[in-house]
N, C-alpha and C. Protein backbone atom coordinates (compact mmCIF):
# COMPACT_ATOMS: atom_id res chain seq x y z
N MET A 1 40.70 -0.13 -2.98
CA MET A 1 39.71 -0.18 -2.87
C MET A 1 38.29 -0.95 -3.35
N VAL A 2 37.46 -1.00 -3.34
CA VAL A 2 36.87 -2.49 -3.96
C VAL A 2 35.45 -1.95 -4.43
N VAL A 3 35.05 -2.09 -5.40
CA VAL A 3 33.64 -1.47 -5.48
C VAL A 3 33.08 -2.98 -5.65
N GLY A 4 31.95 -2.78 -4.94
CA GLY A 4 30.88 -4.03 -5.18
C GLY A 4 28.99 -3.51 -5.69
N ILE A 5 29.40 -4.48 -6.47
CA ILE A 5 28.20 -4.14 -8.10
C ILE A 5 27.34 -5.77 -7.67
N CYS A 6 25.39 -5.38 -7.68
CA CYS A 6 24.56 -6.42 -6.85
C CYS A 6 23.74 -6.01 -7.92
N THR A 7 23.37 -7.24 -8.91
CA THR A 7 22.48 -7.44 -9.83
C THR A 7 20.98 -7.95 -9.58
N VAL A 8 19.26 -7.51 -9.13
CA VAL A 8 19.18 -8.10 -8.93
C VAL A 8 17.80 -8.12 -9.81
N GLN A 9 16.97 -9.32 -10.44
CA GLN A 9 15.88 -9.69 -10.68
C GLN A 9 14.84 -9.46 -10.92
N LEU A 10 13.83 -9.09 -10.76
CA LEU A 10 12.50 -8.85 -10.00
C LEU A 10 11.48 -9.33 -10.66
N GLU A 11 10.67 -10.66 -9.90
CA GLU A 11 9.29 -10.87 -10.70
C GLU A 11 7.95 -10.03 -10.05
N ILE A 12 7.50 -9.37 -10.49
CA ILE A 12 6.08 -8.26 -9.97
C ILE A 12 5.14 -8.72 -10.60
N PHE A 13 4.47 -9.25 -9.42
CA PHE A 13 3.09 -10.70 -9.11
C PHE A 13 2.13 -9.07 -9.64
N ALA A 14 0.96 -9.87 -10.14
CA ALA A 14 0.13 -9.42 -10.50
C ALA A 14 -0.23 -7.31 -11.07
N ASN A 15 0.50 -7.38 -12.05
CA ASN A 15 0.87 -5.96 -12.60
C ASN A 15 1.13 -6.24 -14.09
N ASP A 16 -0.07 -4.78 -14.32
CA ASP A 16 -0.66 -4.56 -15.45
C ASP A 16 -0.13 -3.45 -16.71
N SER A 17 0.51 -2.43 -15.62
CA SER A 17 1.08 -1.47 -16.31
C SER A 17 2.37 -0.96 -15.81
N LEU A 18 3.01 0.10 -16.50
CA LEU A 18 4.63 0.45 -15.99
C LEU A 18 3.92 1.39 -14.86
N LYS A 19 2.59 1.80 -14.96
CA LYS A 19 2.91 2.51 -13.67
C LYS A 19 2.62 1.98 -12.32
N GLY A 20 2.22 0.44 -12.24
CA GLY A 20 2.20 -0.03 -11.46
C GLY A 20 3.63 -0.96 -10.82
N LYS A 21 4.29 -1.10 -11.80
CA LYS A 21 5.69 -1.44 -11.55
C LYS A 21 6.26 -0.41 -10.84
N ARG A 22 6.50 0.90 -11.78
CA ARG A 22 6.92 1.75 -10.60
C ARG A 22 6.06 2.13 -9.23
N HIS A 23 5.08 1.56 -9.23
CA HIS A 23 4.64 1.87 -8.03
C HIS A 23 5.46 0.38 -6.75
N VAL A 24 5.86 0.05 -7.31
CA VAL A 24 6.45 -1.48 -6.48
C VAL A 24 7.91 -1.09 -6.55
N VAL A 25 8.24 -0.74 -7.81
CA VAL A 25 10.61 -0.65 -7.68
C VAL A 25 11.23 1.14 -7.07
N LYS A 26 10.13 1.91 -7.36
CA LYS A 26 10.37 3.06 -6.51
C LYS A 26 10.72 3.13 -5.08
N PRO A 27 9.38 2.51 -4.26
CA PRO A 27 9.63 2.53 -2.89
C PRO A 27 11.33 1.76 -2.36
N ILE A 28 11.62 0.38 -3.32
CA ILE A 28 12.48 -0.54 -3.41
C ILE A 28 13.70 0.06 -3.10
N LEU A 29 13.70 0.86 -3.99
CA LEU A 29 15.13 1.53 -4.43
C LEU A 29 15.47 2.58 -3.33
N ALA A 30 14.31 3.21 -2.79
CA ALA A 30 14.53 4.38 -1.69
C ALA A 30 14.70 4.02 -0.68
N ARG A 31 14.37 2.74 0.02
CA ARG A 31 14.49 2.16 1.18
C ARG A 31 15.93 1.78 1.36
N VAL A 32 16.28 1.23 0.03
CA VAL A 32 17.61 0.25 0.30
C VAL A 32 18.32 1.51 0.34
N ARG A 33 18.42 2.82 -0.62
CA ARG A 33 18.98 3.49 -0.29
C ARG A 33 19.38 4.26 1.08
N ASP A 34 17.89 4.37 1.36
CA ASP A 34 18.20 5.42 3.07
C ASP A 34 18.74 4.44 3.84
N HIS A 35 18.57 2.83 3.60
CA HIS A 35 18.48 1.99 4.89
C HIS A 35 20.36 1.49 5.18
N PHE A 36 20.95 1.46 3.62
CA PHE A 36 21.94 0.36 3.96
C PHE A 36 23.40 1.67 3.24
N ASN A 37 22.81 2.69 2.96
CA ASN A 37 23.21 4.10 1.64
C ASN A 37 24.44 3.58 0.52
N VAL A 38 23.75 2.51 0.14
CA VAL A 38 24.69 2.12 -1.10
C VAL A 38 23.56 3.33 -2.32
N SER A 39 24.08 3.14 -3.65
CA SER A 39 23.65 3.67 -4.73
C SER A 39 22.11 2.38 -5.50
N ALA A 40 21.70 3.34 -6.12
CA ALA A 40 20.86 1.68 -6.51
C ALA A 40 19.79 2.46 -8.01
N ALA A 41 19.21 1.77 -7.90
CA ALA A 41 18.85 2.10 -9.73
C ALA A 41 18.43 0.92 -10.89
N GLU A 42 17.34 1.28 -11.50
CA GLU A 42 16.67 0.27 -11.99
C GLU A 42 17.55 0.11 -13.43
N VAL A 43 18.28 -0.83 -14.22
CA VAL A 43 19.08 -0.96 -14.71
C VAL A 43 18.30 -1.65 -16.44
N ASP A 44 17.31 -2.52 -16.29
CA ASP A 44 17.09 -3.37 -17.29
C ASP A 44 15.84 -3.71 -17.64
N ASP A 45 15.00 -4.42 -18.42
CA ASP A 45 13.52 -4.48 -18.20
C ASP A 45 12.74 -3.19 -17.94
N LEU A 46 13.19 -2.63 -18.72
CA LEU A 46 12.46 -0.77 -18.33
C LEU A 46 11.02 -0.94 -18.92
N ASP A 47 10.84 -1.70 -19.81
CA ASP A 47 10.03 -1.79 -20.65
C ASP A 47 8.99 -2.90 -20.54
N ALA A 48 9.20 -3.31 -19.19
CA ALA A 48 8.61 -5.01 -18.82
C ALA A 48 7.82 -4.25 -17.60
N TRP A 49 6.27 -5.01 -17.87
CA TRP A 49 5.51 -5.03 -16.87
C TRP A 49 5.42 -5.49 -15.68
N GLN A 50 5.93 -6.82 -15.77
CA GLN A 50 6.43 -7.68 -14.53
C GLN A 50 7.78 -8.26 -14.33
N ARG A 51 8.19 -7.65 -14.94
CA ARG A 51 10.08 -7.85 -14.29
C ARG A 51 10.66 -6.56 -14.58
N ALA A 52 11.58 -6.57 -13.32
CA ALA A 52 12.39 -5.38 -12.88
C ALA A 52 14.20 -5.28 -13.00
N THR A 53 14.95 -5.25 -13.32
CA THR A 53 16.18 -5.35 -13.31
C THR A 53 16.81 -3.97 -12.22
N LEU A 54 17.50 -4.24 -10.89
CA LEU A 54 17.76 -3.12 -10.04
C LEU A 54 19.28 -4.02 -10.01
N ALA A 55 19.84 -2.44 -9.48
CA ALA A 55 21.54 -2.17 -9.55
C ALA A 55 21.84 -1.81 -8.26
N PHE A 56 22.65 -2.39 -7.44
CA PHE A 56 23.27 -1.32 -5.90
C PHE A 56 24.62 -1.68 -6.61
N ALA A 57 25.21 -0.66 -5.77
CA ALA A 57 27.01 -0.26 -6.29
C ALA A 57 27.38 0.11 -4.48
N CYS A 58 28.30 -0.12 -3.76
CA CYS A 58 29.43 0.70 -2.79
C CYS A 58 30.54 0.42 -2.79
N VAL A 59 31.36 1.14 -2.43
CA VAL A 59 32.58 1.31 -1.97
C VAL A 59 33.08 1.06 -0.89
N SER A 60 33.99 0.34 -1.02
CA SER A 60 34.82 0.01 0.55
C SER A 60 36.48 -0.56 0.29
N ASN A 61 37.15 -0.43 1.67
CA ASN A 61 38.45 -0.51 1.31
C ASN A 61 38.36 -2.51 1.59
N ASP A 62 37.42 -2.57 2.20
CA ASP A 62 37.40 -4.44 2.59
C ASP A 62 36.25 -5.41 1.75
N PRO A 63 36.73 -6.25 1.16
CA PRO A 63 36.18 -7.27 -0.11
C PRO A 63 34.64 -7.38 0.68
N ALA A 64 35.43 -8.24 2.02
CA ALA A 64 34.38 -8.97 2.84
C ALA A 64 32.97 -7.99 3.45
N TYR A 65 33.27 -7.00 3.73
CA TYR A 65 32.13 -5.97 3.89
C TYR A 65 31.23 -5.86 3.15
N ALA A 66 31.97 -5.27 1.63
CA ALA A 66 31.34 -5.01 0.59
C ALA A 66 30.07 -6.19 0.48
N HIS A 67 30.53 -7.09 -0.19
CA HIS A 67 30.03 -8.55 -0.24
C HIS A 67 29.14 -8.76 0.96
N GLY A 68 29.17 -8.67 1.85
CA GLY A 68 27.98 -8.69 3.09
C GLY A 68 27.34 -7.67 3.10
N LEU A 69 27.47 -6.71 2.59
CA LEU A 69 26.18 -5.70 2.69
C LEU A 69 25.57 -6.14 1.73
N LEU A 70 26.09 -5.85 0.27
CA LEU A 70 25.14 -6.50 -0.70
C LEU A 70 24.25 -7.63 -0.64
N GLU A 71 24.98 -8.62 -0.05
CA GLU A 71 24.05 -9.48 0.55
C GLU A 71 22.74 -9.06 1.33
N LYS A 72 23.06 -8.23 2.82
CA LYS A 72 22.00 -7.68 3.21
C LYS A 72 20.86 -6.72 2.92
N VAL A 73 21.33 -6.33 1.65
CA VAL A 73 20.46 -5.55 0.71
C VAL A 73 19.80 -6.36 0.02
N VAL A 74 20.28 -8.01 -1.03
CA VAL A 74 19.06 -9.11 -1.30
C VAL A 74 17.92 -9.17 -0.44
N ASP A 75 18.34 -9.72 1.01
CA ASP A 75 17.68 -10.52 2.05
C ASP A 75 16.99 -9.36 2.72
N TYR A 76 16.96 -7.88 2.27
CA TYR A 76 15.94 -7.02 2.79
C TYR A 76 15.12 -6.65 1.91
N ILE A 77 15.66 -6.94 0.42
CA ILE A 77 14.37 -6.67 -0.63
C ILE A 77 13.83 -8.43 -0.25
N GLU A 78 14.28 -9.17 -0.42
CA GLU A 78 13.59 -10.46 -0.38
C GLU A 78 12.29 -10.41 0.84
N HIS A 79 12.43 -10.25 2.19
CA HIS A 79 11.86 -10.02 3.40
C HIS A 79 11.06 -9.16 3.23
N SER A 80 11.16 -8.14 2.44
CA SER A 80 10.06 -6.84 3.06
C SER A 80 9.53 -6.66 2.04
N ARG A 81 9.41 -7.08 0.57
CA ARG A 81 8.58 -6.94 -0.21
C ARG A 81 7.73 -8.47 -0.55
N ILE A 82 6.06 -8.02 -0.57
CA ILE A 82 5.24 -9.71 -0.85
C ILE A 82 4.73 -9.32 -2.16
N ASP A 83 4.51 -8.47 -2.82
CA ASP A 83 4.60 -8.49 -4.01
C ASP A 83 5.64 -8.33 -5.23
N ALA A 84 6.43 -8.49 -4.95
CA ALA A 84 7.87 -8.55 -5.69
C ALA A 84 8.65 -9.82 -5.70
N ASN A 85 9.14 -10.72 -6.40
CA ASN A 85 9.78 -12.05 -6.20
C ASN A 85 11.39 -12.30 -6.88
N ILE A 86 13.01 -12.14 -5.81
CA ILE A 86 13.62 -12.05 -6.65
C ILE A 86 14.04 -13.66 -7.44
N LEU A 87 14.00 -13.34 -8.89
CA LEU A 87 14.31 -14.42 -9.33
C LEU A 87 15.69 -14.98 -9.64
N ASP A 88 16.69 -13.80 -9.48
CA ASP A 88 17.94 -14.00 -9.42
C ASP A 88 18.91 -12.58 -9.01
N TYR A 89 19.94 -12.82 -8.70
CA TYR A 89 20.63 -11.52 -8.41
C TYR A 89 22.21 -12.29 -8.32
N GLN A 90 23.32 -11.10 -8.75
CA GLN A 90 24.39 -11.43 -8.62
C GLN A 90 25.46 -10.23 -8.12
N ILE A 91 26.65 -11.02 -7.26
CA ILE A 91 27.10 -9.80 -6.35
C ILE A 91 28.60 -10.13 -7.02
N GLU A 92 28.93 -8.84 -7.67
CA GLU A 92 30.82 -8.46 -8.10
C GLU A 92 31.08 -7.92 -7.53
N LEU A 93 32.41 -8.31 -7.52
CA LEU A 93 33.47 -7.22 -7.07
C LEU A 93 34.75 -6.84 -7.45
N ILE A 94 34.71 -5.38 -7.73
CA ILE A 94 35.50 -5.26 -8.88
C ILE A 94 37.09 -4.47 -7.90
């Protein structure tokens, strides 16, 4: 069994409140959950207005599949959101 964990750091443009941040982060988490069937949560930078750290996790019996799925999640976020930029991401397989 392999557990894949992906951590994505986002920069949110032109945002001046936590409410505005929530308006960007919640749809990302919901769409990724629905589209890829992974677990998703905001895990860090909770009080920062223009940054967010999101984590995604999946379980598989194939390490290549888990890594590929999490790469697709990152690509999906990168290409579907104009108001957020990916600063960095990390994928770890346990």
